Amino acid sequence: MPWLSPATRAAAAPARAVDLARLPPTWIGVGTLDLFAQESMRFAARLVEAGVAVEMSVVPGAYHGFDTMVPQARISADFIASWKSALSRSLNDD
């Protein structure tokens, strides 16, 4: 995206941010066959290094969108329950 300024490119994805220290607790879910798997794991590591609480679910053999394509599969149900639980904890944190 050469037409975007460096600041805009950085703001387009959280993983491009230089300073991650003030981000909220984060849940990241990815399958090992997802094209974004390595990027997601590197982002999680950077968040941890910045002192951000991170919960990560890495699903062996799963591809991008597996949970929406086969939501009735047990592995999908577990994955969905994981992000819903993280979201609920975040919204109900006092």
Protein backbone atom coordinates (compact mmCIF):
# COMPACT_ATOMS: atom_id res chain seq x y z
CA MET A 1 0.00 0.00 0.00
CA PRO A 2 2.50 2.61 -1.10
CA TRP A 3 -0.24 5.27 -1.35
CA LEU A 4 -0.75 5.19 2.43
CA SER A 5 1.49 7.16 4.73
CA PRO A 6 3.69 5.16 7.15
CA ALA A 7 1.48 6.36 10.04
CA THR A 8 -1.67 5.13 8.32
CA ARG A 9 -0.09 1.79 7.46
CA ALA A 10 0.96 1.36 11.09
CA ALA A 11 -2.55 2.21 12.34
CA ALA A 12 -4.20 -0.27 9.98
CA ALA A 13 -3.18 -3.29 12.08
CA PRO A 14 -2.34 -3.48 15.79
CA ALA A 15 0.66 -5.70 15.06
CA ARG A 16 2.30 -2.79 13.21
CA ALA A 17 2.25 -0.51 16.25
CA VAL A 18 5.63 0.35 17.70
CA ASP A 19 4.44 0.78 21.30
CA LEU A 20 2.12 -1.96 22.57
CA ALA A 21 2.43 -1.16 26.28
CA ARG A 22 -0.97 0.46 26.74
CA LEU A 23 -3.07 -2.09 24.93
CA PRO A 24 -5.76 -3.94 26.90
CA PRO A 25 -5.61 -7.63 27.82
CA THR A 26 -5.77 -9.53 24.57
CA TRP A 27 -7.12 -12.87 23.36
CA ILE A 28 -5.61 -14.22 20.15
CA GLY A 29 -6.86 -17.35 18.43
CA VAL A 30 -5.28 -18.93 15.38
CA GLY A 31 -4.90 -22.29 13.70
CA THR A 32 -1.51 -23.70 12.80
CA LEU A 33 -2.51 -23.83 9.11
CA ASP A 34 -3.73 -20.23 9.11
CA LEU A 35 -1.71 -17.95 6.84
CA PHE A 36 -1.53 -15.54 9.80
CA ALA A 37 -0.32 -18.09 12.35
CA GLN A 38 3.29 -16.95 12.61
CA GLU A 39 2.33 -13.26 12.53
CA SER A 40 -0.24 -13.83 15.29
CA MET A 41 2.29 -15.67 17.47
CA ARG A 42 4.90 -12.93 16.97
CA PHE A 43 2.30 -10.30 17.90
CA ALA A 44 1.39 -12.23 21.05
CA ALA A 45 5.07 -12.41 22.02
CA ARG A 46 5.47 -8.66 21.49
CA LEU A 47 2.41 -7.99 23.64
CA VAL A 48 3.81 -10.15 26.45
CA GLU A 49 7.15 -8.34 26.19
CA ALA A 50 5.26 -5.04 26.52
CA GLY A 51 3.57 -6.24 29.71
CA VAL A 52 0.14 -6.87 28.18
CA ALA A 53 -1.83 -9.85 29.50
CA VAL A 54 -2.28 -12.28 26.62
CA GLU A 55 -4.39 -15.40 26.29
CA MET A 56 -3.70 -17.36 23.13
CA SER A 57 -5.40 -20.34 21.57
CA VAL A 58 -3.39 -22.13 18.89
CA VAL A 59 -5.39 -24.91 17.25
CA PRO A 60 -3.30 -27.66 15.63
CA GLY A 61 -4.29 -28.35 12.03
CA ALA A 62 -6.86 -25.54 11.86
CA TYR A 63 -7.08 -23.15 8.93
CA HIS A 64 -8.31 -19.53 8.84
CA GLY A 65 -12.04 -19.38 9.52
CA PHE A 66 -12.38 -23.04 10.51
CA ASP A 67 -14.70 -22.13 13.36
CA THR A 68 -17.17 -20.40 11.08
CA MET A 69 -16.97 -22.99 8.31
CA VAL A 70 -17.56 -25.96 10.61
CA PRO A 71 -19.04 -24.47 13.79
CA GLN A 72 -20.57 -27.79 14.86
CA ALA A 73 -17.15 -29.49 15.14
CA ARG A 74 -15.99 -30.01 18.71
CA ILE A 75 -12.72 -28.16 18.07
CA SER A 76 -14.68 -25.18 16.72
CA ALA A 77 -17.06 -25.18 19.68
CA ASP A 78 -14.09 -25.17 22.08
CA PHE A 79 -12.44 -22.34 20.15
CA ILE A 80 -15.63 -20.27 20.10
CA ALA A 81 -16.18 -20.89 23.82
CA SER A 82 -12.62 -19.70 24.47
CA TRP A 83 -13.01 -16.30 22.79
CA LYS A 84 -16.49 -15.83 24.24
CA SER A 85 -15.15 -16.55 27.72
CA ALA A 86 -12.30 -14.06 27.24
CA LEU A 87 -14.72 -11.42 25.99
CA SER A 88 -17.10 -12.02 28.89
CA ARG A 89 -14.27 -11.73 31.43
CA SER A 90 -13.10 -8.51 29.78
CA LEU A 91 -16.55 -6.93 29.76
CA ASN A 92 -17.32 -7.99 33.32
CA ASP A 93 -13.94 -7.05 34.81
CA ASP A 94 -14.47 -4.63 37.69
